[in-house]
Amino acid sequence: MNLFSISQLAQYSGIKPHTIRIWEQRYNALNPNRTKGNTRYYDNSQLRRLLNIVSLMESGHKVSELGPMSDKKIFQLVEEVTKWDLTDEPTEYFISQLIAAGMSYDEAHFEKTFSHCLLRFGMNGTYIKIIYPMLERIGFMWATDRLPPAHEHFISNLIRQKLFTAIDYIPAASSSEDSWLLFLPENEFHEIGLLFAYYLIRISGKKALYLGVNVPQQSLVSAVNDSIPKNLLFFLVHNNLPNQVQNYLNELSTAFASKNIYFSGNQNLIRQLAPVKNIHWLQSVEDLQQALP
């Protein structure tokens, strides 16, 4: 069983700690345990209950109504909501339900919720409106160690499977003009953002070569020399030292001076870096789409 602080519940649910405390006191929405020092802590069932309450509030229920309900009744309402015509943009509902399914290893519920997202938003919209905010919220966007590692692997692998399936349905490009090479540098392993970029590039009709995670620089040089791409794209996720990353960018710029190099990822880190010739920061999905004429 994993234990969570109220600040972690706030991170996963998007509800401020002060509001969570009010819900506890006024509506008995949660019943936290306490340490000998009187500090609140919560288990998986309490986290899922909160996420379900947040989901149901998106569909019009009030916390005063939901607070006294049993877990069983709340989950029954969640199951019923999926059959209703929700509001035009029920993003909070889907984000909360995907997190809840991931935190409880409920693959069936994750699959069902993800399918609803695809039907409503499509793959592009599901990533931009649901998956990306979800990853940011739960804190492994990217590698902050606030999420239990097993949950991180479970959620990320389910999302990876969805992206690979979507990519498999895209025909290979017939022309190598304006081709792309995608990779993660050494010691970078969180590839969901890179996979989605690969999907967008493929669906735009461009040829793309996907090298995957943890690519040594010498292997990258060899791949570029062999495939001769026009564009390179990579993600920086870890909280590495800015001076080390700056040196890496300078080396890439020198080694591939004739290429357009794009990167994205950890914004807190990237903002500390100095601009480098022929290396462009993609701050959003829209930035990538603009780079795909």
C-alpha atoms as a PDB file:
ATOM      1  CA  MET A   1       0.000   0.000   0.000  1.00  0.00           C
ATOM      2  CA  ASN A   2       1.298   3.472  -0.940  1.00  0.00           C
ATOM      3  CA  LEU A   3       0.879   6.419   1.408  1.00  0.00           C
ATOM      4  CA  PHE A   4       0.415   9.994   0.254  1.00  0.00           C
ATOM      5  CA  SER A   5       0.594  13.405   1.847  1.00  0.00           C
ATOM      6  CA  ILE A   6      -2.140  15.973   1.330  1.00  0.00           C
ATOM      7  CA  SER A   7       0.187  17.888  -1.005  1.00  0.00           C
ATOM      8  CA  GLN A   8       0.521  14.800  -3.192  1.00  0.00           C
ATOM      9  CA  LEU A   9      -3.253  14.384  -3.266  1.00  0.00           C
ATOM     10  CA  ALA A  10      -3.464  17.991  -4.376  1.00  0.00           C
ATOM     11  CA  GLN A  11      -0.976  17.325  -7.150  1.00  0.00           C
ATOM     12  CA  TYR A  12      -2.813  14.269  -8.471  1.00  0.00           C
ATOM     13  CA  SER A  13      -6.311  15.753  -8.203  1.00  0.00           C
ATOM     14  CA  GLY A  14      -5.734  19.416  -9.035  1.00  0.00           C
ATOM     15  CA  ILE A  15      -7.555  20.357  -5.805  1.00  0.00           C
ATOM     16  CA  LYS A  16      -5.743  22.658  -3.359  1.00  0.00           C
ATOM     17  CA  PRO A  17      -4.838  21.225   0.069  1.00  0.00           C
ATOM     18  CA  HIS A  18      -6.971  23.868   1.795  1.00  0.00           C
ATOM     19  CA  THR A  19     -10.007  22.779  -0.230  1.00  0.00           C
ATOM     20  CA  ILE A  20      -9.349  19.109   0.514  1.00  0.00           C
ATOM     21  CA  ARG A  21      -9.320  19.886   4.234  1.00  0.00           C
ATOM     22  CA  ILE A  22     -12.638  21.751   3.936  1.00  0.00           C
ATOM     23  CA  TRP A  23     -14.186  18.799   2.100  1.00  0.00           C
ATOM     24  CA  GLU A  24     -13.008  16.512   4.902  1.00  0.00           C
ATOM     25  CA  GLN A  25     -14.388  18.705   7.667  1.00  0.00           C
ATOM     26  CA  ARG A  26     -17.693  19.755   6.110  1.00  0.00           C
ATOM     27  CA  TYR A  27     -18.685  16.755   4.014  1.00  0.00           C
ATOM     28  CA  ASN A  28     -16.651  13.820   5.336  1.00  0.00           C
ATOM     29  CA  ALA A  29     -15.356  13.369   1.793  1.00  0.00           C
ATOM     30  CA  LEU A  30     -12.109  11.753   3.023  1.00  0.00           C
ATOM     31  CA  ASN A  31     -11.029  10.117   6.270  1.00  0.00           C
ATOM     32  CA  PRO A  32      -7.218  10.392   6.484  1.00  0.00           C
ATOM     33  CA  ASN A  33      -5.091   8.504   8.941  1.00  0.00           C
ATOM     34  CA  ARG A  34      -2.715  10.449  11.151  1.00  0.00           C
ATOM     35  CA  THR A  35       0.820   9.954  12.360  1.00  0.00           C
ATOM     36  CA  LYS A  36       1.772  10.254  16.025  1.00  0.00           C
ATOM     37  CA  GLY A  37       2.668  13.842  15.210  1.00  0.00           C
ATOM     38  CA  ASN A  38      -0.911  14.398  13.926  1.00  0.00           C
ATOM     39  CA  THR A  39       0.102  14.705  10.257  1.00  0.00           C
ATOM     40  CA  ARG A  40      -2.493  13.544   7.738  1.00  0.00           C
ATOM     41  CA  TYR A  41      -1.652  10.726   5.356  1.00  0.00           C
ATOM     42  CA  TYR A  42      -3.768   8.905   2.792  1.00  0.00           C
ATOM     43  CA  ASP A  43      -3.729   5.487   1.129  1.00  0.00           C
ATOM     44  CA  ASN A  44      -4.617   4.329  -2.397  1.00  0.00           C
ATOM     45  CA  SER A  45      -8.320   3.984  -1.631  1.00  0.00           C
ATOM     46  CA  GLN A  46      -8.505   7.569  -0.326  1.00  0.00           C
ATOM     47  CA  LEU A  47      -6.702   8.899  -3.387  1.00  0.00           C
ATOM     48  CA  ARG A  48      -9.022   7.052  -5.737  1.00  0.00           C
ATOM     49  CA  ARG A  49     -12.058   8.271  -3.793  1.00  0.00           C
ATOM     50  CA  LEU A  50     -10.896  11.874  -4.184  1.00  0.00           C
ATOM     51  CA  LEU A  51     -10.256  11.419  -7.902  1.00  0.00           C
ATOM     52  CA  ASN A  52     -13.701   9.909  -8.362  1.00  0.00           C
ATOM     53  CA  ILE A  53     -15.298  12.815  -6.506  1.00  0.00           C
ATOM     54  CA  VAL A  54     -13.463  15.277  -8.750  1.00  0.00           C
ATOM     55  CA  SER A  55     -14.630  13.344 -11.819  1.00  0.00           C
ATOM     56  CA  LEU A  56     -18.258  13.366 -10.705  1.00  0.00           C
ATOM     57  CA  MET A  57     -18.164  17.093  -9.950  1.00  0.00           C
ATOM     58  CA  GLU A  58     -17.212  17.569 -13.606  1.00  0.00           C
ATOM     59  CA  SER A  59     -20.487  15.872 -14.560  1.00  0.00           C
ATOM     60  CA  GLY A  60     -22.610  18.122 -12.353  1.00  0.00           C
ATOM     61  CA  HIS A  61     -22.604  16.474  -8.914  1.00  0.00           C
ATOM     62  CA  LYS A  62     -21.859  18.527  -5.794  1.00  0.00           C
ATOM     63  CA  VAL A  63     -19.240  17.654  -3.209  1.00  0.00           C
ATOM     64  CA  SER A  64     -21.875  18.048  -0.478  1.00  0.00           C
ATOM     65  CA  GLU A  65     -23.818  15.254  -2.167  1.00  0.00           C
ATOM     66  CA  LEU A  66     -20.809  13.017  -2.802  1.00  0.00           C
ATOM     67  CA  GLY A  67     -18.983  13.378   0.511  1.00  0.00           C
ATOM     68  CA  PRO A  68     -21.278  11.174   2.621  1.00  0.00           C
ATOM     69  CA  MET A  69     -21.538   8.457  -0.054  1.00  0.00           C
ATOM     70  CA  SER A  70     -19.786   5.099   0.232  1.00  0.00           C
ATOM     71  CA  ASP A  71     -16.927   4.236  -2.102  1.00  0.00           C
ATOM     72  CA  LYS A  72     -19.151   1.661  -3.796  1.00  0.00           C
ATOM     73  CA  LYS A  73     -21.903   4.186  -4.528  1.00  0.00           C
ATOM     74  CA  ILE A  74     -19.415   6.735  -5.844  1.00  0.00           C
ATOM     75  CA  PHE A  75     -17.858   4.198  -8.199  1.00  0.00           C
ATOM     76  CA  GLN A  76     -21.303   3.166  -9.433  1.00  0.00           C
ATOM     77  CA  LEU A  77     -21.964   6.798 -10.323  1.00  0.00           C
ATOM     78  CA  VAL A  78     -18.626   6.959 -12.163  1.00  0.00           C
ATOM     79  CA  GLU A  79     -19.613   3.898 -14.201  1.00  0.00           C
ATOM     80  CA  GLU A  80     -22.938   5.509 -15.057  1.00  0.00           C
ATOM     81  CA  VAL A  81     -21.365   8.806 -16.094  1.00  0.00           C
ATOM     82  CA  THR A  82     -19.487   7.135 -18.965  1.00  0.00           C
ATOM     83  CA  LYS A  83     -22.868   6.376 -20.533  1.00  0.00           C
ATOM     84  CA  TRP A  84     -24.010  10.001 -20.436  1.00  0.00           C
ATOM     85  CA  ASP A  85     -23.408  12.831 -22.854  1.00  0.00           C
ATOM     86  CA  LEU A  86     -20.900  14.877 -20.883  1.00  0.00           C
ATOM     87  CA  THR A  87     -20.098  18.514 -21.520  1.00  0.00           C
ATOM     88  CA  ASP A  88     -18.229  19.443 -24.691  1.00  0.00           C
ATOM     89  CA  GLU A  89     -14.840  19.437 -22.957  1.00  0.00           C
ATOM     90  CA  PRO A  90     -14.978  17.005 -19.975  1.00  0.00           C
ATOM     91  CA  THR A  91     -11.206  16.968 -19.670  1.00  0.00           C
ATOM     92  CA  GLU A  92     -11.109  16.955 -15.872  1.00  0.00           C
ATOM     93  CA  TYR A  93     -13.300  13.878 -15.748  1.00  0.00           C
ATOM     94  CA  PHE A  94     -11.037  11.901 -18.077  1.00  0.00           C
ATOM     95  CA  ILE A  95      -7.784  13.082 -16.465  1.00  0.00           C
ATOM     96  CA  SER A  96      -8.987  12.103 -13.001  1.00  0.00           C
ATOM     97  CA  GLN A  97     -10.276   8.724 -14.137  1.00  0.00           C
ATOM     98  CA  LEU A  98      -7.056   7.816 -15.964  1.00  0.00           C
ATOM     99  CA  ILE A  99      -5.009   8.728 -12.887  1.00  0.00           C
ATOM    100  CA  ALA A 100      -7.374   6.752 -10.647  1.00  0.00           C
ATOM    101  CA  ALA A 101      -7.142   3.698 -12.908  1.00  0.00           C
ATOM    102  CA  GLY A 102      -3.355   3.934 -13.012  1.00  0.00           C
ATOM    103  CA  MET A 103      -2.973   4.325  -9.266  1.00  0.00           C
ATOM    104  CA  SER A 104      -5.115   1.224  -8.651  1.00  0.00           C
ATOM    105  CA  TYR A 105      -3.652  -0.876 -11.504  1.00  0.00           C
ATOM    106  CA  ASP A 106      -7.113  -1.076 -13.082  1.00  0.00           C
ATOM    107  CA  GLU A 107      -6.180  -1.713 -16.705  1.00  0.00           C
ATOM    108  CA  ALA A 108      -9.772  -2.424 -17.773  1.00  0.00           C
ATOM    109  CA  HIS A 109     -10.956   0.956 -16.495  1.00  0.00           C
ATOM    110  CA  PHE A 110      -7.936   2.685 -18.028  1.00  0.00           C
ATOM    111  CA  GLU A 111      -8.726   1.085 -21.409  1.00  0.00           C
ATOM    112  CA  LYS A 112     -12.393   2.049 -21.194  1.00  0.00           C
ATOM    113  CA  THR A 113     -11.627   5.652 -20.259  1.00  0.00           C
ATOM    114  CA  PHE A 114      -8.930   5.977 -22.910  1.00  0.00           C
ATOM    115  CA  SER A 115     -11.344   4.663 -25.552  1.00  0.00           C
ATOM    116  CA  HIS A 116     -13.867   7.331 -24.579  1.00  0.00           C
ATOM    117  CA  CYS A 117     -11.123   9.954 -24.953  1.00  0.00           C
ATOM    118  CA  LEU A 118     -10.263   8.731 -28.447  1.00  0.00           C
ATOM    119  CA  LEU A 119     -13.898   8.771 -29.535  1.00  0.00           C
ATOM    120  CA  ARG A 120     -14.384  12.308 -28.260  1.00  0.00           C
ATOM    121  CA  PHE A 121     -11.043  13.964 -29.036  1.00  0.00           C
ATOM    122  CA  GLY A 122      -9.135  11.719 -31.480  1.00  0.00           C
ATOM    123  CA  MET A 123      -5.496  10.773 -30.883  1.00  0.00           C
ATOM    124  CA  ASN A 124      -4.156  14.326 -31.254  1.00  0.00           C
ATOM    125  CA  GLY A 125      -6.744  15.822 -28.941  1.00  0.00           C
ATOM    126  CA  THR A 126      -6.411  12.991 -26.419  1.00  0.00           C
ATOM    127  CA  TYR A 127      -2.694  13.608 -26.035  1.00  0.00           C
ATOM    128  CA  ILE A 128      -2.900  17.407 -25.971  1.00  0.00           C
ATOM    129  CA  LYS A 129      -5.991  17.766 -23.776  1.00  0.00           C
ATOM    130  CA  ILE A 130      -5.800  14.659 -21.595  1.00  0.00           C
ATOM    131  CA  ILE A 131      -2.483  12.772 -21.573  1.00  0.00           C
ATOM    132  CA  TYR A 132      -0.103  15.728 -21.446  1.00  0.00           C
ATOM    133  CA  PRO A 133      -1.972  17.488 -18.577  1.00  0.00           C
ATOM    134  CA  MET A 134      -2.276  14.156 -16.775  1.00  0.00           C
ATOM    135  CA  LEU A 135       1.454  13.528 -16.940  1.00  0.00           C
ATOM    136  CA  GLU A 136       2.192  17.047 -15.755  1.00  0.00           C
ATOM    137  CA  ARG A 137      -0.216  16.677 -12.856  1.00  0.00           C
ATOM    138  CA  ILE A 138       1.006  13.395 -11.470  1.00  0.00           C
ATOM    139  CA  GLY A 139       4.530  14.687 -11.406  1.00  0.00           C
ATOM    140  CA  PHE A 140       6.466  12.203 -13.478  1.00  0.00           C
ATOM    141  CA  MET A 141       6.483  14.832 -16.188  1.00  0.00           C
ATOM    142  CA  TRP A 142       9.223  14.089 -15.876  1.00  0.00           C
ATOM    143  CA  ALA A 143      11.167  12.030 -13.333  1.00  0.00           C
ATOM    144  CA  THR A 144      10.462  13.975 -10.154  1.00  0.00           C
ATOM    145  CA  ASP A 145      10.223  10.796  -8.055  1.00  0.00           C
ATOM    146  CA  ARG A 146       6.925  11.883  -6.479  1.00  0.00           C
ATOM    147  CA  LEU A 147       5.020   8.986  -8.010  1.00  0.00           C
ATOM    148  CA  PRO A 148       5.707   5.422  -6.829  1.00  0.00           C
ATOM    149  CA  PRO A 149       7.892   3.854  -9.581  1.00  0.00           C
ATOM    150  CA  ALA A 150       5.539   0.909 -10.148  1.00  0.00           C
ATOM    151  CA  HIS A 151       2.644   3.264 -10.880  1.00  0.00           C
ATOM    152  CA  GLU A 152       4.833   5.302 -13.204  1.00  0.00           C
ATOM    153  CA  HIS A 153       5.801   2.221 -15.201  1.00  0.00           C
ATOM    154  CA  PHE A 154       2.225   0.939 -15.321  1.00  0.00           C
ATOM    155  CA  ILE A 155       0.745   4.206 -16.589  1.00  0.00           C
ATOM    156  CA  SER A 156       3.545   5.072 -19.008  1.00  0.00           C
ATOM    157  CA  ASN A 157       3.604   1.600 -20.555  1.00  0.00           C
ATOM    158  CA  LEU A 158      -0.143   1.688 -21.190  1.00  0.00           C
ATOM    159  CA  ILE A 159       0.227   5.051 -22.937  1.00  0.00           C
ATOM    160  CA  ARG A 160       3.216   3.805 -24.932  1.00  0.00           C
ATOM    161  CA  GLN A 161       1.160   0.854 -26.154  1.00  0.00           C
ATOM    162  CA  LYS A 162      -1.573   3.218 -27.363  1.00  0.00           C
ATOM    163  CA  LEU A 163       0.882   5.400 -29.231  1.00  0.00           C
ATOM    164  CA  PHE A 164       2.642   2.447 -30.871  1.00  0.00           C
ATOM    165  CA  THR A 165      -0.723   1.076 -31.999  1.00  0.00           C
ATOM    166  CA  ALA A 166      -1.677   4.426 -33.533  1.00  0.00           C
ATOM    167  CA  ILE A 167       1.702   4.704 -35.258  1.00  0.00           C
ATOM    168  CA  ASP A 168       1.395   1.198 -36.727  1.00  0.00           C
ATOM    169  CA  TYR A 169      -1.659   2.303 -38.718  1.00  0.00           C
ATOM    170  CA  ILE A 170       0.209   5.147 -40.460  1.00  0.00           C
ATOM    171  CA  PRO A 171       1.630   4.208 -43.899  1.00  0.00           C
ATOM    172  CA  ALA A 172       5.369   4.695 -44.312  1.00  0.00           C
ATOM    173  CA  ALA A 173       6.356   7.842 -46.212  1.00  0.00           C
ATOM    174  CA  SER A 174       7.378   7.243 -49.812  1.00  0.00           C
ATOM    175  CA  SER A 175       9.709  10.255 -49.997  1.00  0.00           C
ATOM    176  CA  SER A 176      12.767  10.940 -47.842  1.00  0.00           C
ATOM    177  CA  GLU A 177      12.579  14.687 -48.466  1.00  0.00           C
ATOM    178  CA  ASP A 178      12.518  16.716 -45.250  1.00  0.00           C
ATOM    179  CA  SER A 179      13.110  13.575 -43.165  1.00  0.00           C
ATOM    180  CA  TRP A 180      13.404  13.464 -39.358  1.00  0.00           C
ATOM    181  CA  LEU A 181      15.470  11.489 -36.862  1.00  0.00           C
ATOM    182  CA  LEU A 182      14.139  11.208 -33.307  1.00  0.00           C
ATOM    183  CA  PHE A 183      16.047  10.090 -30.206  1.00  0.00           C
ATOM    184  CA  LEU A 184      16.583  10.517 -26.494  1.00  0.00           C
ATOM    185  CA  PRO A 185      20.140  11.269 -25.298  1.00  0.00           C
ATOM    186  CA  GLU A 186      22.048   8.990 -22.957  1.00  0.00           C
ATOM    187  CA  ASN A 187      20.349   8.428 -19.588  1.00  0.00           C
ATOM    188  CA  GLU A 188      17.004   9.707 -20.889  1.00  0.00           C
ATOM    189  CA  PHE A 189      14.263   7.055 -20.761  1.00  0.00           C
ATOM    190  CA  HIS A 190      10.884   8.832 -20.639  1.00  0.00           C
ATOM    191  CA  GLU A 191       9.817   8.600 -24.254  1.00  0.00           C
ATOM    192  CA  ILE A 192       6.085   9.383 -24.315  1.00  0.00           C
ATOM    193  CA  GLY A 193       6.619  12.940 -25.554  1.00  0.00           C
ATOM    194  CA  LEU A 194       9.051  11.753 -28.210  1.00  0.00           C
ATOM    195  CA  LEU A 195       6.652   8.992 -29.281  1.00  0.00           C
ATOM    196  CA  PHE A 196       3.841  11.470 -29.739  1.00  0.00           C
ATOM    197  CA  ALA A 197       6.147  13.720 -31.778  1.00  0.00           C
ATOM    198  CA  TYR A 198       6.973  10.659 -33.908  1.00  0.00           C
ATOM    199  CA  TYR A 199       3.250  10.071 -34.399  1.00  0.00           C
ATOM    200  CA  LEU A 200       2.684  13.693 -35.491  1.00  0.00           C
ATOM    201  CA  ILE A 201       5.604  13.617 -37.912  1.00  0.00           C
ATOM    202  CA  ARG A 202       4.487  10.312 -39.430  1.00  0.00           C
ATOM    203  CA  ILE A 203       0.874  11.403 -39.780  1.00  0.00           C
ATOM    204  CA  SER A 204       2.035  14.578 -41.546  1.00  0.00           C
ATOM    205  CA  GLY A 205       3.502  12.363 -44.277  1.00  0.00           C
ATOM    206  CA  LYS A 206       7.154  12.924 -43.418  1.00  0.00           C
ATOM    207  CA  LYS A 207       9.718  10.151 -43.254  1.00  0.00           C
ATOM    208  CA  ALA A 208      10.946   9.612 -39.705  1.00  0.00           C
ATOM    209  CA  LEU A 209      13.532   7.358 -38.090  1.00  0.00           C
ATOM    210  CA  TYR A 210      12.922   6.561 -34.413  1.00  0.00           C
ATOM    211  CA  LEU A 211      16.035   5.564 -32.450  1.00  0.00           C
ATOM    212  CA  GLY A 212      14.331   5.449 -29.047  1.00  0.00           C
ATOM    213  CA  VAL A 213      15.837   5.990 -25.609  1.00  0.00           C
ATOM    214  CA  ASN A 214      19.364   6.304 -24.193  1.00  0.00           C
ATOM    215  CA  VAL A 215      21.190   6.855 -27.493  1.00  0.00           C
ATOM    216  CA  PRO A 216      24.981   7.340 -27.121  1.00  0.00           C
ATOM    217  CA  GLN A 217      26.338  10.287 -29.047  1.00  0.00           C
ATOM    218  CA  GLN A 218      28.584   8.124 -31.223  1.00  0.00           C
ATOM    219  CA  SER A 219      25.604   5.967 -32.216  1.00  0.00           C
ATOM    220  CA  LEU A 220      23.695   9.132 -33.070  1.00  0.00           C
ATOM    221  CA  VAL A 221      26.515  10.353 -35.305  1.00  0.00           C
ATOM    222  CA  SER A 222      26.567   7.017 -37.100  1.00  0.00           C
ATOM    223  CA  ALA A 223      22.798   7.023 -37.623  1.00  0.00           C
ATOM    224  CA  VAL A 224      22.824  10.583 -38.970  1.00  0.00           C
ATOM    225  CA  ASN A 225      25.650   9.788 -41.383  1.00  0.00           C
ATOM    226  CA  ASP A 226      23.814   6.704 -42.645  1.00  0.00           C
ATOM    227  CA  SER A 227      20.267   8.068 -42.891  1.00  0.00           C
ATOM    228  CA  ILE A 228      21.060  11.726 -43.748  1.00  0.00           C
ATOM    229  CA  PRO A 229      18.002  13.342 -42.124  1.00  0.00           C
ATOM    230  CA  LYS A 230      17.271  17.020 -42.560  1.00  0.00           C
ATOM    231  CA  ASN A 231      15.930  17.420 -39.028  1.00  0.00           C
ATOM    232  CA  LEU A 232      16.811  16.020 -35.592  1.00  0.00           C
ATOM    233  CA  LEU A 233      14.442  15.977 -32.617  1.00  0.00           C
ATOM    234  CA  PHE A 234      15.136  14.962 -29.020  1.00  0.00           C
ATOM    235  CA  PHE A 235      13.701  15.512 -25.532  1.00  0.00           C
ATOM    236  CA  LEU A 236      15.410  16.536 -22.300  1.00  0.00           C
ATOM    237  CA  VAL A 237      13.529  15.208 -19.296  1.00  0.00           C
ATOM    238  CA  HIS A 238      15.866  14.745 -16.342  1.00  0.00           C
ATOM    239  CA  ASN A 239      16.917  17.571 -14.066  1.00  0.00           C
ATOM    240  CA  ASN A 240      20.504  17.535 -15.282  1.00  0.00           C
ATOM    241  CA  LEU A 241      23.010  20.254 -14.508  1.00  0.00           C
ATOM    242  CA  PRO A 242      22.486  23.157 -16.931  1.00  0.00           C
ATOM    243  CA  ASN A 243      26.186  23.424 -17.789  1.00  0.00           C
ATOM    244  CA  GLN A 244      26.302  19.743 -18.787  1.00  0.00           C
ATOM    245  CA  VAL A 245      23.255  20.139 -21.001  1.00  0.00           C
ATOM    246  CA  GLN A 246      24.674  23.333 -22.483  1.00  0.00           C
ATOM    247  CA  ASN A 247      27.854  21.493 -23.441  1.00  0.00           C
ATOM    248  CA  TYR A 248      25.770  18.725 -25.017  1.00  0.00           C
ATOM    249  CA  LEU A 249      23.841  21.227 -27.130  1.00  0.00           C
ATOM    250  CA  ASN A 250      27.053  22.895 -28.260  1.00  0.00           C
ATOM    251  CA  GLU A 251      28.459  19.518 -29.294  1.00  0.00           C
ATOM    252  CA  LEU A 252      25.318  18.666 -31.268  1.00  0.00           C
ATOM    253  CA  SER A 253      25.369  22.036 -33.009  1.00  0.00           C
ATOM    254  CA  THR A 254      28.976  21.526 -34.062  1.00  0.00           C
ATOM    255  CA  ALA A 255      28.557  17.896 -35.120  1.00  0.00           C
ATOM    256  CA  PHE A 256      25.391  18.559 -37.133  1.00  0.00           C
ATOM    257  CA  ALA A 257      25.875  22.125 -38.310  1.00  0.00           C
ATOM    258  CA  SER A 258      23.905  21.543 -41.526  1.00  0.00           C
ATOM    259  CA  LYS A 259      20.853  20.090 -39.741  1.00  0.00           C
ATOM    260  CA  ASN A 260      17.797  21.660 -38.168  1.00  0.00           C
ATOM    261  CA  ILE A 261      17.890  20.484 -34.559  1.00  0.00           C
ATOM    262  CA  TYR A 262      14.800  20.671 -32.341  1.00  0.00           C
ATOM    263  CA  PHE A 263      14.371  19.780 -28.691  1.00  0.00           C
ATOM    264  CA  SER A 264      11.686  19.897 -26.014  1.00  0.00           C
ATOM    265  CA  GLY A 265      10.968  18.631 -22.497  1.00  0.00           C
ATOM    266  CA  ASN A 266      11.907  19.991 -19.062  1.00  0.00           C
ATOM    267  CA  GLN A 267      11.031  23.678 -19.290  1.00  0.00           C
ATOM    268  CA  ASN A 268      12.628  24.598 -15.973  1.00  0.00           C
ATOM    269  CA  LEU A 269      15.931  23.237 -17.246  1.00  0.00           C
ATOM    270  CA  ILE A 270      15.643  24.587 -20.781  1.00  0.00           C
ATOM    271  CA  ARG A 271      14.978  28.148 -19.590  1.00  0.00           C
ATOM    272  CA  GLN A 272      18.428  28.127 -17.955  1.00  0.00           C
ATOM    273  CA  LEU A 273      20.178  27.381 -21.250  1.00  0.00           C
ATOM    274  CA  ALA A 274      21.695  29.880 -23.645  1.00  0.00           C
ATOM    275  CA  PRO A 275      20.524  29.842 -27.284  1.00  0.00           C
ATOM    276  CA  VAL A 276      22.599  27.697 -29.622  1.00  0.00           C
ATOM    277  CA  LYS A 277      22.888  28.136 -33.366  1.00  0.00           C
ATOM    278  CA  ASN A 278      20.629  25.809 -35.417  1.00  0.00           C
ATOM    279  CA  ILE A 279      18.988  24.364 -32.254  1.00  0.00           C
ATOM    280  CA  HIS A 280      15.348  25.319 -31.707  1.00  0.00           C
ATOM    281  CA  TRP A 281      13.226  24.889 -28.576  1.00  0.00           C
ATOM    282  CA  LEU A 282       9.745  23.488 -29.213  1.00  0.00           C
ATOM    283  CA  GLN A 283       7.638  24.740 -26.317  1.00  0.00           C
ATOM    284  CA  SER A 284       4.354  23.192 -27.456  1.00  0.00           C
ATOM    285  CA  VAL A 285       2.743  20.746 -29.836  1.00  0.00           C
ATOM    286  CA  GLU A 286       1.806  23.729 -31.981  1.00  0.00           C
ATOM    287  CA  ASP A 287       5.503  24.623 -32.338  1.00  0.00           C
ATOM    288  CA  LEU A 288       6.214  21.159 -33.755  1.00  0.00           C
ATOM    289  CA  GLN A 289       3.256  21.354 -36.110  1.00  0.00           C
ATOM    290  CA  GLN A 290       4.539  24.688 -37.428  1.00  0.00           C
ATOM    291  CA  ALA A 291       7.920  23.063 -38.096  1.00  0.00           C
ATOM    292  CA  LEU A 292       6.149  20.504 -40.320  1.00  0.00           C
ATOM    293  CA  PRO A 293       5.314  22.502 -43.496  1.00  0.00           C
END
